[in-house]
Structure formats: C-alpha cells, structure tokens
Amino acid sequence: MSGSNTVNVHVGGLEDMGRRFIDAWHLAERGEEVDETHVTVHDLPALLAALTPKRLDLLRYVRHHEVRTVKALATDLRRDYKNVHKDVEELTRLGLLTRTAGQVVAPYGEVEARFVL
C-alpha cells in the first residue's frame, strides 16, 4: 500500500477501478487504514499522452517551487502560456495538480505508473 505522498496511475477500466475500491473497502472493514490515491486512464496511449516529458518537468517544478499562477509558471519554465495552461488543465483533471485562487500545487512527491503488456 502506498502513502499519501504517492499517486498510483493505472491503465484500465471500470472493472479495475471497482476492484481497487472493493479491496480498499475490505481493508477498511477490518479496521486497517486505507491511504491510497489512484488515477486510472483508459489505455497506454492515453497514459503516455497525459504524462509527456514536458508535463513531467512541469510536475517536478511545481512540486519543488511555490507557484502562484499559470502565467508565472509559464514564465519560469520559459514555455508558451497557452501550452502550459493546457498542461495544467490536463494534470489538474487527472488529479496530479491542484489549483486554488492563489496557487498551483503538485500534492504528490511520487507518481507510480503501471501497465500490463
């Protein structure tokens, strides 16, 4: 089981998500702590499209720096604002970034991506 500093990224579908939910439910029923975060993407091409090298660089940067705005992030990364905004939106949709009125945060220090060949 991973800690709250880790997000587990899986390739799979509703059946996979349901199995993880049931496993967590059984752990909780036995009184065991469940402290896991999972993100599931439909297929391997979707995973690779979501976690491009530039997006991984962006995640690393946000994890280690205070970021107030997407504009400031684009400036710091020396990237086009429109592309950084798109990346932030996608990473936020996946749950790998969080945004508030005054901050962009990468809440996880570790991303474990797993897929079956």
PDB file of N, CA and C in Angstrom:
ATOM      1  N   MET A   1       0.848  -1.181   0.000  1.00  0.00           N
ATOM      2  CA  MET A   1       0.000   0.000   0.000  1.00  0.00           C
ATOM      3  C   MET A   1       0.892   1.241   0.000  1.00  0.00           C
ATOM      4  N   SER A   2       0.530   2.246  -0.745  1.00  0.00           N
ATOM      5  CA  SER A   2       1.321   3.475  -0.792  1.00  0.00           C
ATOM      6  C   SER A   2       0.820   4.510   0.181  1.00  0.00           C
ATOM      7  N   GLY A   3       1.696   5.432   0.499  1.00  0.00           N
ATOM      8  CA  GLY A   3       1.300   6.508   1.400  1.00  0.00           C
ATOM      9  C   GLY A   3       0.682   7.661   0.650  1.00  0.00           C
ATOM     10  N   SER A   4       0.262   8.649   1.401  1.00  0.00           N
ATOM     11  CA  SER A   4      -0.449   9.778   0.812  1.00  0.00           C
ATOM     12  C   SER A   4       0.451  10.656  -0.059  1.00  0.00           C
ATOM     13  N   ASN A   5       1.755  10.458  -0.021  1.00  0.00           N
ATOM     14  CA  ASN A   5       2.668  11.235  -0.846  1.00  0.00           C
ATOM     15  C   ASN A   5       2.814  10.623  -2.237  1.00  0.00           C
ATOM     16  N   THR A   6       2.155   9.486  -2.477  1.00  0.00           N
ATOM     17  CA  THR A   6       2.272   8.766  -3.736  1.00  0.00           C
ATOM     18  C   THR A   6       0.914   8.671  -4.405  1.00  0.00           C
ATOM     19  N   VAL A   7       0.899   8.870  -5.718  1.00  0.00           N
ATOM     20  CA  VAL A   7      -0.309   8.627  -6.507  1.00  0.00           C
ATOM     21  C   VAL A   7       0.020   7.472  -7.441  1.00  0.00           C
ATOM     22  N   ASN A   8      -0.896   6.525  -7.529  1.00  0.00           N
ATOM     23  CA  ASN A   8      -0.731   5.358  -8.388  1.00  0.00           C
ATOM     24  C   ASN A   8      -1.532   5.567  -9.664  1.00  0.00           C
ATOM     25  N   VAL A   9      -0.865   5.527 -10.796  1.00  0.00           N
ATOM     26  CA  VAL A   9      -1.517   5.718 -12.088  1.00  0.00           C
ATOM     27  C   VAL A   9      -1.598   4.357 -12.767  1.00  0.00           C
ATOM     28  N   HIS A  10      -2.805   3.989 -13.172  1.00  0.00           N
ATOM     29  CA  HIS A  10      -3.049   2.681 -13.776  1.00  0.00           C
ATOM     30  C   HIS A  10      -3.650   2.826 -15.156  1.00  0.00           C
ATOM     31  N   VAL A  11      -3.410   1.817 -15.987  1.00  0.00           N
ATOM     32  CA  VAL A  11      -4.112   1.679 -17.250  1.00  0.00           C
ATOM     33  C   VAL A  11      -5.191   0.641 -17.007  1.00  0.00           C
ATOM     34  N   GLY A  12      -6.440   0.998 -17.282  1.00  0.00           N
ATOM     35  CA  GLY A  12      -7.520   0.046 -17.062  1.00  0.00           C
ATOM     36  C   GLY A  12      -8.865   0.699 -17.246  1.00  0.00           C
ATOM     37  N   GLY A  13      -9.875   0.000 -16.797  1.00  0.00           N
ATOM     38  CA  GLY A  13     -11.227   0.487 -16.962  1.00  0.00           C
ATOM     39  C   GLY A  13     -12.000   0.441 -15.669  1.00  0.00           C
ATOM     40  N   LEU A  14     -13.312   0.467 -15.808  1.00  0.00           N
ATOM     41  CA  LEU A  14     -14.199   0.471 -14.640  1.00  0.00           C
ATOM     42  C   LEU A  14     -14.015  -0.766 -13.780  1.00  0.00           C
ATOM     43  N   GLU A  15     -13.773  -1.908 -14.392  1.00  0.00           N
ATOM     44  CA  GLU A  15     -13.575  -3.144 -13.629  1.00  0.00           C
ATOM     45  C   GLU A  15     -12.363  -3.022 -12.708  1.00  0.00           C
ATOM     46  N   ASP A  16     -11.268  -2.465 -13.227  1.00  0.00           N
ATOM     47  CA  ASP A  16     -10.056  -2.271 -12.419  1.00  0.00           C
ATOM     48  C   ASP A  16     -10.315  -1.307 -11.264  1.00  0.00           C
ATOM     49  N   MET A  17     -11.007  -0.208 -11.556  1.00  0.00           N
ATOM     50  CA  MET A  17     -11.315   0.767 -10.506  1.00  0.00           C
ATOM     51  C   MET A  17     -12.217   0.139  -9.454  1.00  0.00           C
ATOM     52  N   GLY A  18     -13.194  -0.644  -9.897  1.00  0.00           N
ATOM     53  CA  GLY A  18     -14.099  -1.311  -8.966  1.00  0.00           C
ATOM     54  C   GLY A  18     -13.364  -2.286  -8.070  1.00  0.00           C
ATOM     55  N   ARG A  19     -12.418  -3.037  -8.632  1.00  0.00           N
ATOM     56  CA  ARG A  19     -11.636  -3.990  -7.842  1.00  0.00           C
ATOM     57  C   ARG A  19     -10.818  -3.275  -6.764  1.00  0.00           C
ATOM     58  N   ARG A  20     -10.209  -2.150  -7.121  1.00  0.00           N
ATOM     59  CA  ARG A  20      -9.428  -1.403  -6.122  1.00  0.00           C
ATOM     60  C   ARG A  20     -10.339  -0.840  -5.035  1.00  0.00           C
ATOM     61  N   PHE A  21     -11.521  -0.383  -5.422  1.00  0.00           N
ATOM     62  CA  PHE A  21     -12.482   0.128  -4.448  1.00  0.00           C
ATOM     63  C   PHE A  21     -12.893  -0.981  -3.473  1.00  0.00           C
ATOM     64  N   ILE A  22     -13.209  -2.149  -3.993  1.00  0.00           N
ATOM     65  CA  ILE A  22     -13.623  -3.271  -3.139  1.00  0.00           C
ATOM     66  C   ILE A  22     -12.488  -3.693  -2.222  1.00  0.00           C
ATOM     67  N   ASP A  23     -11.262  -3.748  -2.741  1.00  0.00           N
ATOM     68  CA  ASP A  23     -10.105  -4.091  -1.897  1.00  0.00           C
ATOM     69  C   ASP A  23      -9.950  -3.088  -0.757  1.00  0.00           C
ATOM     70  N   ALA A  24     -10.085  -1.800  -1.054  1.00  0.00           N
ATOM     71  CA  ALA A  24      -9.980  -0.770  -0.016  1.00  0.00           C
ATOM     72  C   ALA A  24     -11.122  -0.902   0.986  1.00  0.00           C
ATOM     73  N   TRP A  25     -12.301  -1.202   0.500  1.00  0.00           N
ATOM     74  CA  TRP A  25     -13.467  -1.385   1.372  1.00  0.00           C
ATOM     75  C   TRP A  25     -13.210  -2.523   2.372  1.00  0.00           C
ATOM     76  N   HIS A  26     -12.662  -3.635   1.882  1.00  0.00           N
ATOM     77  CA  HIS A  26     -12.382  -4.774   2.764  1.00  0.00           C
ATOM     78  C   HIS A  26     -11.324  -4.425   3.807  1.00  0.00           C
ATOM     79  N   LEU A  27     -10.313  -3.683   3.407  1.00  0.00           N
ATOM     80  CA  LEU A  27      -9.300  -3.235   4.370  1.00  0.00           C
ATOM     81  C   LEU A  27      -9.941  -2.368   5.445  1.00  0.00           C
ATOM     82  N   ALA A  28     -10.788  -1.441   5.039  1.00  0.00           N
ATOM     83  CA  ALA A  28     -11.446  -0.552   5.995  1.00  0.00           C
ATOM     84  C   ALA A  28     -12.370  -1.342   6.922  1.00  0.00           C
ATOM     85  N   GLU A  29     -13.049  -2.344   6.397  1.00  0.00           N
ATOM     86  CA  GLU A  29     -13.923  -3.182   7.233  1.00  0.00           C
ATOM     87  C   GLU A  29     -13.137  -3.887   8.324  1.00  0.00           C
ATOM     88  N   ARG A  30     -11.895  -4.263   8.012  1.00  0.00           N
ATOM     89  CA  ARG A  30     -11.037  -4.942   9.001  1.00  0.00           C
ATOM     90  C   ARG A  30     -10.362  -3.950   9.934  1.00  0.00           C
ATOM     91  N   GLY A  31     -10.653  -2.659   9.747  1.00  0.00           N
ATOM     92  CA  GLY A  31     -10.080  -1.637  10.610  1.00  0.00           C
ATOM     93  C   GLY A  31      -8.698  -1.182  10.177  1.00  0.00           C
ATOM     94  N   GLU A  32      -8.269  -1.599   9.002  1.00  0.00           N
ATOM     95  CA  GLU A  32      -6.963  -1.184   8.504  1.00  0.00           C
ATOM     96  C   GLU A  32      -7.087   0.174   7.818  1.00  0.00           C
ATOM     97  N   GLU A  33      -6.056   0.974   7.956  1.00  0.00           N
ATOM     98  CA  GLU A  33      -6.059   2.302   7.338  1.00  0.00           C
ATOM     99  C   GLU A  33      -5.891   2.173   5.831  1.00  0.00           C
ATOM    100  N   VAL A  34      -6.671   2.936   5.108  1.00  0.00           N
ATOM    101  CA  VAL A  34      -6.561   2.978   3.652  1.00  0.00           C
ATOM    102  C   VAL A  34      -6.128   4.385   3.278  1.00  0.00           C
ATOM    103  N   ASP A  35      -4.895   4.519   2.837  1.00  0.00           N
ATOM    104  CA  ASP A  35      -4.341   5.823   2.493  1.00  0.00           C
ATOM    105  C   ASP A  35      -3.698   5.710   1.118  1.00  0.00           C
ATOM    106  N   GLU A  36      -4.537   5.606   0.101  1.00  0.00           N
ATOM    107  CA  GLU A  36      -4.067   5.420  -1.266  1.00  0.00           C
ATOM    108  C   GLU A  36      -4.771   6.408  -2.187  1.00  0.00           C
ATOM    109  N   THR A  37      -4.057   6.819  -3.212  1.00  0.00           N
ATOM    110  CA  THR A  37      -4.661   7.631  -4.248  1.00  0.00           C
ATOM    111  C   THR A  37      -4.369   6.973  -5.579  1.00  0.00           C
ATOM    112  N   HIS A  38      -5.418   6.783  -6.381  1.00  0.00           N
ATOM    113  CA  HIS A  38      -5.282   6.121  -7.669  1.00  0.00           C
ATOM    114  C   HIS A  38      -5.875   6.989  -8.764  1.00  0.00           C
ATOM    115  N   VAL A  39      -5.239   6.957  -9.919  1.00  0.00           N
ATOM    116  CA  VAL A  39      -5.742   7.570 -11.136  1.00  0.00           C
ATOM    117  C   VAL A  39      -5.727   6.474 -12.185  1.00  0.00           C
ATOM    118  N   THR A  40      -6.839   6.323 -12.896  1.00  0.00           N
ATOM    119  CA  THR A  40      -6.924   5.309 -13.939  1.00  0.00           C
ATOM    120  C   THR A  40      -7.148   5.980 -15.285  1.00  0.00           C
ATOM    121  N   VAL A  41      -6.346   5.589 -16.256  1.00  0.00           N
ATOM    122  CA  VAL A  41      -6.526   6.061 -17.624  1.00  0.00           C
ATOM    123  C   VAL A  41      -6.920   4.870 -18.493  1.00  0.00           C
ATOM    124  N   HIS A  42      -7.616   5.142 -19.568  1.00  0.00           N
ATOM    125  CA  HIS A  42      -8.225   4.108 -20.389  1.00  0.00           C
ATOM    126  C   HIS A  42      -7.224   3.147 -21.031  1.00  0.00           C
ATOM    127  N   ASP A  43      -6.155   3.689 -21.602  1.00  0.00           N
ATOM    128  CA  ASP A  43      -5.198   2.820 -22.297  1.00  0.00           C
ATOM    129  C   ASP A  43      -3.799   3.438 -22.234  1.00  0.00           C
ATOM    130  N   LEU A  44      -2.818   2.665 -22.682  1.00  0.00           N
ATOM    131  CA  LEU A  44      -1.434   3.129 -22.621  1.00  0.00           C
ATOM    132  C   LEU A  44      -1.195   4.403 -23.440  1.00  0.00           C
ATOM    133  N   PRO A  45      -1.746   4.526 -24.653  1.00  0.00           N
ATOM    134  CA  PRO A  45      -1.558   5.797 -25.371  1.00  0.00           C
ATOM    135  C   PRO A  45      -2.094   6.996 -24.578  1.00  0.00           C
ATOM    136  N   ALA A  46      -3.193   6.832 -23.861  1.00  0.00           N
ATOM    137  CA  ALA A  46      -3.725   7.931 -23.047  1.00  0.00           C
ATOM    138  C   ALA A  46      -2.771   8.267 -21.908  1.00  0.00           C
ATOM    139  N   LEU A  47      -2.165   7.245 -21.308  1.00  0.00           N
ATOM    140  CA  LEU A  47      -1.194   7.478 -20.235  1.00  0.00           C
ATOM    141  C   LEU A  47       0.019   8.236 -20.769  1.00  0.00           C
ATOM    142  N   LEU A  48       0.530   7.798 -21.899  1.00  0.00           N
ATOM    143  CA  LEU A  48       1.707   8.451 -22.473  1.00  0.00           C
ATOM    144  C   LEU A  48       1.394   9.865 -22.935  1.00  0.00           C
ATOM    145  N   ALA A  49       0.178  10.093 -23.420  1.00  0.00           N
ATOM    146  CA  ALA A  49      -0.229  11.442 -23.820  1.00  0.00           C
ATOM    147  C   ALA A  49      -0.382  12.351 -22.609  1.00  0.00           C
ATOM    148  N   ALA A  50      -0.824  11.775 -21.485  1.00  0.00           N
ATOM    149  CA  ALA A  50      -1.041  12.571 -20.276  1.00  0.00           C
ATOM    150  C   ALA A  50       0.275  12.908 -19.576  1.00  0.00           C
ATOM    151  N   LEU A  51       1.222  12.002 -19.606  1.00  0.00           N
ATOM    152  CA  LEU A  51       2.477  12.198 -18.872  1.00  0.00           C
ATOM    153  C   LEU A  51       3.642  12.382 -19.845  1.00  0.00           C
ATOM    154  N   THR A  52       3.547  13.421 -20.644  1.00  0.00           N
ATOM    155  CA  THR A  52       4.624  13.732 -21.582  1.00  0.00           C
ATOM    156  C   THR A  52       5.847  14.227 -20.806  1.00  0.00           C
ATOM    157  N   PRO A  53       7.006  14.213 -21.428  1.00  0.00           N
ATOM    158  CA  PRO A  53       8.195  14.738 -20.739  1.00  0.00           C
ATOM    159  C   PRO A  53       8.011  16.178 -20.247  1.00  0.00           C
ATOM    160  N   LYS A  54       7.377  17.044 -21.036  1.00  0.00           N
ATOM    161  CA  LYS A  54       7.179  18.431 -20.593  1.00  0.00           C
ATOM    162  C   LYS A  54       6.228  18.494 -19.407  1.00  0.00           C
ATOM    163  N   ARG A  55       5.203  17.664 -19.391  1.00  0.00           N
ATOM    164  CA  ARG A  55       4.286  17.647 -18.253  1.00  0.00           C
ATOM    165  C   ARG A  55       4.961  17.100 -17.013  1.00  0.00           C
ATOM    166  N   LEU A  56       5.825  16.118 -17.172  1.00  0.00           N
ATOM    167  CA  LEU A  56       6.569  15.608 -16.023  1.00  0.00           C
ATOM    168  C   LEU A  56       7.516  16.674 -15.481  1.00  0.00           C
ATOM    169  N   ASP A  57       8.170  17.413 -16.368  1.00  0.00           N
ATOM    170  CA  ASP A  57       9.023  18.531 -15.930  1.00  0.00           C
ATOM    171  C   ASP A  57       8.200  19.565 -15.168  1.00  0.00           C
ATOM    172  N   LEU A  58       7.009  19.856 -15.685  1.00  0.00           N
ATOM    173  CA  LEU A  58       6.112  20.815 -15.034  1.00  0.00           C
ATOM    174  C   LEU A  58       5.733  20.322 -13.640  1.00  0.00           C
ATOM    175  N   LEU A  59       5.366  19.044 -13.522  1.00  0.00           N
ATOM    176  CA  LEU A  59       5.026  18.480 -12.210  1.00  0.00           C
ATOM    177  C   LEU A  59       6.197  18.598 -11.235  1.00  0.00           C
ATOM    178  N   ARG A  60       7.395  18.257 -11.700  1.00  0.00           N
ATOM    179  CA  ARG A  60       8.583  18.357 -10.837  1.00  0.00           C
ATOM    180  C   ARG A  60       8.809  19.796 -10.374  1.00  0.00           C
ATOM    181  N   TYR A  61       8.681  20.721 -11.319  1.00  0.00           N
ATOM    182  CA  TYR A  61       8.899  22.127 -10.978  1.00  0.00           C
ATOM    183  C   TYR A  61       7.890  22.583  -9.927  1.00  0.00           C
ATOM    184  N   VAL A  62       6.626  22.297 -10.171  1.00  0.00           N
ATOM    185  CA  VAL A  62       5.578  22.737  -9.237  1.00  0.00           C
ATOM    186  C   VAL A  62       5.772  22.075  -7.876  1.00  0.00           C
ATOM    187  N   ARG A  63       6.205  20.832  -7.870  1.00  0.00           N
ATOM    188  CA  ARG A  63       6.418  20.120  -6.598  1.00  0.00           C
ATOM    189  C   ARG A  63       7.480  20.820  -5.742  1.00  0.00           C
ATOM    190  N   HIS A  64       8.473  21.415  -6.376  1.00  0.00           N
ATOM    191  CA  HIS A  64       9.619  21.965  -5.636  1.00  0.00           C
ATOM    192  C   HIS A  64       9.660  23.488  -5.565  1.00  0.00           C
ATOM    193  N   HIS A  65       8.661  24.148  -6.146  1.00  0.00           N
ATOM    194  CA  HIS A  65       8.633  25.611  -6.138  1.00  0.00           C
ATOM    195  C   HIS A  65       7.236  26.114  -5.805  1.00  0.00           C
ATOM    196  N   GLU A  66       7.190  27.282  -5.213  1.00  0.00           N
ATOM    197  CA  GLU A  66       5.897  27.921  -4.972  1.00  0.00           C
ATOM    198  C   GLU A  66       5.441  28.558  -6.276  1.00  0.00           C
ATOM    199  N   VAL A  67       4.258  28.164  -6.723  1.00  0.00           N
ATOM    200  CA  VAL A  67       3.721  28.664  -7.988  1.00  0.00           C
ATOM    201  C   VAL A  67       2.391  29.337  -7.707  1.00  0.00           C
ATOM    202  N   ARG A  68       2.303  30.617  -8.000  1.00  0.00           N
ATOM    203  CA  ARG A  68       1.083  31.393  -7.739  1.00  0.00           C
ATOM    204  C   ARG A  68       0.098  31.343  -8.900  1.00  0.00           C
ATOM    205  N   THR A  69       0.610  31.432 -10.133  1.00  0.00           N
ATOM    206  CA  THR A  69      -0.278  31.497 -11.294  1.00  0.00           C
ATOM    207  C   THR A  69       0.294  30.656 -12.431  1.00  0.00           C
ATOM    208  N   VAL A  70      -0.578  30.313 -13.361  1.00  0.00           N
ATOM    209  CA  VAL A  70      -0.137  29.590 -14.549  1.00  0.00           C
ATOM    210  C   VAL A  70       0.779  30.482 -15.382  1.00  0.00           C
ATOM    211  N   LYS A  71       0.478  31.766 -15.428  1.00  0.00           N
ATOM    212  CA  LYS A  71       1.332  32.698 -16.175  1.00  0.00           C
ATOM    213  C   LYS A  71       2.747  32.717 -15.609  1.00  0.00           C
ATOM    214  N   ALA A  72       2.856  32.782 -14.285  1.00  0.00           N
ATOM    215  CA  ALA A  72       4.179  32.760 -13.652  1.00  0.00           C
ATOM    216  C   ALA A  72       4.883  31.431 -13.923  1.00  0.00           C
ATOM    217  N   LEU A  73       4.125  30.359 -13.915  1.00  0.00           N
ATOM    218  CA  LEU A  73       4.700  29.044 -14.198  1.00  0.00           C
ATOM    219  C   LEU A  73       5.248  29.003 -15.622  1.00  0.00           C
ATOM    220  N   ALA A  74       4.481  29.501 -16.578  1.00  0.00           N
ATOM    221  CA  ALA A  74       4.936  29.526 -17.969  1.00  0.00           C
ATOM    222  C   ALA A  74       6.219  30.349 -18.098  1.00  0.00           C
ATOM    223  N   THR A  75       6.267  31.480 -17.406  1.00  0.00           N
ATOM    224  CA  THR A  75       7.468  32.320 -17.433  1.00  0.00           C
ATOM    225  C   THR A  75       8.653  31.574 -16.839  1.00  0.00           C
ATOM    226  N   ASP A  76       8.450  30.962 -15.677  1.00  0.00           N
ATOM    227  CA  ASP A  76       9.536  30.234 -15.012  1.00  0.00           C
ATOM    228  C   ASP A  76      10.056  29.087 -15.873  1.00  0.00           C
ATOM    229  N   LEU A  77       9.139  28.395 -16.566  1.00  0.00           N
ATOM    230  CA  LEU A  77       9.533  27.255 -17.397  1.00  0.00           C
ATOM    231  C   LEU A  77      10.000  27.670 -18.786  1.00  0.00           C
ATOM    232  N   ARG A  78       9.869  28.988 -19.096  1.00  0.00           N
ATOM    233  CA  ARG A  78      10.218  29.519 -20.416  1.00  0.00           C
ATOM    234  C   ARG A  78       9.452  28.782 -21.516  1.00  0.00           C
ATOM    235  N   ARG A  79       8.137  28.629 -21.266  1.00  0.00           N
ATOM    236  CA  ARG A  79       7.244  27.968 -22.219  1.00  0.00           C
ATOM    237  C   ARG A  79       6.078  28.894 -22.543  1.00  0.00           C
ATOM    238  N   ASP A  80       5.444  28.624 -23.656  1.00  0.00           N
ATOM    239  CA  ASP A  80       4.281  29.376 -24.092  1.00  0.00           C
ATOM    240  C   ASP A  80       3.139  29.211 -23.082  1.00  0.00           C
ATOM    241  N   TYR A  81       2.508  30.328 -22.721  1.00  0.00           N
ATOM    242  CA  TYR A  81       1.425  30.311 -21.735  1.00  0.00           C
ATOM    243  C   TYR A  81       0.311  29.347 -22.129  1.00  0.00           C
ATOM    244  N   LYS A  82      -0.117  29.395 -23.380  1.00  0.00           N
ATOM    245  CA  LYS A  82      -1.232  28.561 -23.836  1.00  0.00           C
ATOM    246  C   LYS A  82      -0.935  27.068 -23.622  1.00  0.00           C
ATOM    247  N   ASN A  83       0.283  26.646 -23.939  1.00  0.00           N
ATOM    248  CA  ASN A  83       0.654  25.241 -23.767  1.00  0.00           C
ATOM    249  C   ASN A  83       0.738  24.861 -22.291  1.00  0.00           C
ATOM    250  N   VAL A  84       1.297  25.741 -21.477  1.00  0.00           N
ATOM    251  CA  VAL A  84       1.379  25.460 -20.038  1.00  0.00           C
ATOM    252  C   VAL A  84      -0.020  25.411 -19.439  1.00  0.00           C
ATOM    253  N   HIS A  85      -0.882  26.317 -19.850  1.00  0.00           N
ATOM    254  CA  HIS A  85      -2.265  26.315 -19.358  1.00  0.00           C
ATOM    255  C   HIS A  85      -2.951  24.996 -19.703  1.00  0.00           C
ATOM    256  N   LYS A  86      -2.777  24.536 -20.923  1.00  0.00           N
ATOM    257  CA  LYS A  86      -3.359  23.249 -21.352  1.00  0.00           C
ATOM    258  C   LYS A  86      -2.808  22.103 -20.491  1.00  0.00           C
ATOM    259  N   ASP A  87      -1.502  22.109 -20.255  1.00  0.00           N
ATOM    260  CA  ASP A  87      -0.890  21.062 -19.439  1.00  0.00           C
ATOM    261  C   ASP A  87      -1.410  21.096 -18.002  1.00  0.00           C
ATOM    262  N   VAL A  88      -1.520  22.290 -17.438  1.00  0.00           N
ATOM    263  CA  VAL A  88      -2.027  22.422 -16.065  1.00  0.00           C
ATOM    264  C   VAL A  88      -3.469  21.933 -15.996  1.00  0.00           C
ATOM    265  N   GLU A  89      -4.280  22.281 -16.977  1.00  0.00           N
ATOM    266  CA  GLU A  89      -5.679  21.831 -17.001  1.00  0.00           C
ATOM    267  C   GLU A  89      -5.756  20.310 -17.038  1.00  0.00           C
ATOM    268  N   GLU A  90      -4.960  19.681 -17.883  1.00  0.00           N
ATOM    269  CA  GLU A  90      -4.991  18.216 -18.006  1.00  0.00           C
ATOM    270  C   GLU A  90      -4.479  17.544 -16.733  1.00  0.00           C
ATOM    271  N   LEU A  91      -3.393  18.038 -16.183  1.00  0.00           N
ATOM    272  CA  LEU A  91      -2.843  17.440 -14.963  1.00  0.00           C
ATOM    273  C   LEU A  91      -3.777  17.655 -13.768  1.00  0.00           C
ATOM    274  N   THR A  92      -4.495  18.768 -13.774  1.00  0.00           N
ATOM    275  CA  THR A  92      -5.485  19.014 -12.728  1.00  0.00           C
ATOM    276  C   THR A  92      -6.664  18.071 -12.892  1.00  0.00           C
ATOM    277  N   ARG A  93      -7.113  17.877 -14.121  1.00  0.00           N
ATOM    278  CA  ARG A  93      -8.217  16.955 -14.403  1.00  0.00           C
ATOM    279  C   ARG A  93      -7.878  15.540 -13.935  1.00  0.00           C
ATOM    280  N   LEU A  94      -6.629  15.154 -14.108  1.00  0.00           N
ATOM    281  CA  LEU A  94      -6.192  13.823 -13.680  1.00  0.00           C
ATOM    282  C   LEU A  94      -5.978  13.727 -12.165  1.00  0.00           C
ATOM    283  N   GLY A  95      -5.923  14.863 -11.494  1.00  0.00           N
ATOM    284  CA  GLY A  95      -5.691  14.851 -10.057  1.00  0.00           C
ATOM    285  C   GLY A  95      -4.230  14.906  -9.662  1.00  0.00           C
ATOM    286  N   LEU A  96      -3.361  15.174 -10.627  1.00  0.00           N
ATOM    287  CA  LEU A  96      -1.928  15.243 -10.332  1.00  0.00           C
ATOM    288  C   LEU A  96      -1.486  16.642  -9.920  1.00  0.00           C
ATOM    289  N   LEU A  97      -2.320  17.638 -10.186  1.00  0.00           N
ATOM    290  CA  LEU A  97      -2.120  19.007  -9.706  1.00  0.00           C
ATOM    291  C   LEU A  97      -3.408  19.459  -9.037  1.00  0.00           C
ATOM    292  N   THR A  98      -3.273  20.382  -8.101  1.00  0.00           N
ATOM    293  CA  THR A  98      -4.449  21.044  -7.537  1.00  0.00           C
ATOM    294  C   THR A  98      -4.251  22.543  -7.701  1.00  0.00           C
ATOM    295  N   ARG A  99      -5.378  23.246  -7.884  1.00  0.00           N
ATOM    296  CA  ARG A  99      -5.328  24.697  -8.065  1.00  0.00           C
ATOM    297  C   ARG A  99      -6.286  25.358  -7.097  1.00  0.00           C
ATOM    298  N   THR A 100      -5.803  26.463  -6.534  1.00  0.00           N
ATOM    299  CA  THR A 100      -6.649  27.318  -5.716  1.00  0.00           C
ATOM    300  C   THR A 100      -6.582  28.706  -6.330  1.00  0.00           C
ATOM    301  N   ALA A 101      -7.240  29.651  -5.705  1.00  0.00           N
ATOM    302  CA  ALA A 101      -7.236  31.024  -6.237  1.00  0.00           C
ATOM    303  C   ALA A 101      -5.826  31.596  -6.338  1.00  0.00           C
ATOM    304  N   GLY A 102      -4.932  31.174  -5.462  1.00  0.00           N
ATOM    305  CA  GLY A 102      -3.605  31.777  -5.456  1.00  0.00           C
ATOM    306  C   GLY A 102      -2.446  30.814  -5.556  1.00  0.00           C
ATOM    307  N   GLN A 103      -2.703  29.573  -6.008  1.00  0.00           N
ATOM    308  CA  GLN A 103      -1.601  28.625  -6.007  1.00  0.00           C
ATOM    309  C   GLN A 103      -1.878  27.427  -6.905  1.00  0.00           C
ATOM    310  N   VAL A 104      -0.807  26.911  -7.502  1.00  0.00           N
ATOM    311  CA  VAL A 104      -0.827  25.639  -8.225  1.00  0.00           C
ATOM    312  C   VAL A 104       0.095  24.717  -7.441  1.00  0.00           C
ATOM    313  N   VAL A 105      -0.409  23.529  -7.077  1.00  0.00           N
ATOM    314  CA  VAL A 105       0.343  22.624  -6.206  1.00  0.00           C
ATOM    315  C   VAL A 105       0.392  21.221  -6.803  1.00  0.00           C
ATOM    316  N   ALA A 106       1.540  20.583  -6.687  1.00  0.00           N
ATOM    317  CA  ALA A 106       1.696  19.163  -7.013  1.00  0.00           C
ATOM    318  C   ALA A 106       1.714  18.426  -5.679  1.00  0.00           C
ATOM    319  N   PRO A 107       0.571  17.846  -5.268  1.00  0.00           N
ATOM    320  CA  PRO A 107       0.474  17.288  -3.925  1.00  0.00           C
ATOM    321  C   PRO A 107       1.240  15.984  -3.709  1.00  0.00           C
ATOM    322  N   TYR A 108       1.680  15.356  -4.777  1.00  0.00           N
ATOM    323  CA  TYR A 108       2.350  14.062  -4.638  1.00  0.00           C
ATOM    324  C   TYR A 108       3.821  14.183  -4.983  1.00  0.00           C
ATOM    325  N   GLY A 109       4.654  13.586  -4.167  1.00  0.00           N
ATOM    326  CA  GLY A 109       6.084  13.583  -4.421  1.00  0.00           C
ATOM    327  C   GLY A 109       6.500  12.413  -5.279  1.00  0.00           C
ATOM    328  N   GLU A 110       5.583  11.474  -5.482  1.00  0.00           N
ATOM    329  CA  GLU A 110       5.910  10.275  -6.227  1.00  0.00           C
ATOM    330  C   GLU A 110       4.716   9.862  -7.075  1.00  0.00           C
ATOM    331  N   VAL A 111       4.984   9.537  -8.339  1.00  0.00           N
ATOM    332  CA  VAL A 111       3.951   9.025  -9.228  1.00  0.00           C
ATOM    333  C   VAL A 111       4.398   7.633  -9.648  1.00  0.00           C
ATOM    334  N   GLU A 112       3.589   6.635  -9.331  1.00  0.00           N
ATOM    335  CA  GLU A 112       3.874   5.264  -9.752  1.00  0.00           C
ATOM    336  C   GLU A 112       2.929   4.933 -10.888  1.00  0.00           C
ATOM    337  N   ALA A 113       3.490   4.735 -12.088  1.00  0.00           N
ATOM    338  CA  ALA A 113       2.682   4.394 -13.258  1.00  0.00           C
ATOM    339  C   ALA A 113       2.885   2.924 -13.564  1.00  0.00           C
ATOM    340  N   ARG A 114       1.769   2.242 -13.799  1.00  0.00           N
ATOM    341  CA  ARG A 114       1.842   0.807 -14.012  1.00  0.00           C
ATOM    342  C   ARG A 114       0.908   0.396 -15.140  1.00  0.00           C
ATOM    343  N   PHE A 115       1.393  -0.496 -16.003  1.00  0.00           N
ATOM    344  CA  PHE A 115       0.559  -1.046 -17.053  1.00  0.00           C
ATOM    345  C   PHE A 115       1.012  -2.473 -17.343  1.00  0.00           C
ATOM    346  N   VAL A 116       0.086  -3.263 -17.822  1.00  0.00           N
ATOM    347  CA  VAL A 116       0.371  -4.671 -18.135  1.00  0.00           C
ATOM    348  C   VAL A 116       0.494  -4.808 -19.635  1.00  0.00           C
ATOM    349  N   LEU A 117       1.542  -5.497 -20.067  1.00  0.00           N
ATOM    350  CA  LEU A 117       1.752  -5.716 -21.500  1.00  0.00           C
ATOM    351  C   LEU A 117       0.872  -6.841 -21.999  1.00  0.00           C
TER     352      LEU A 117
END
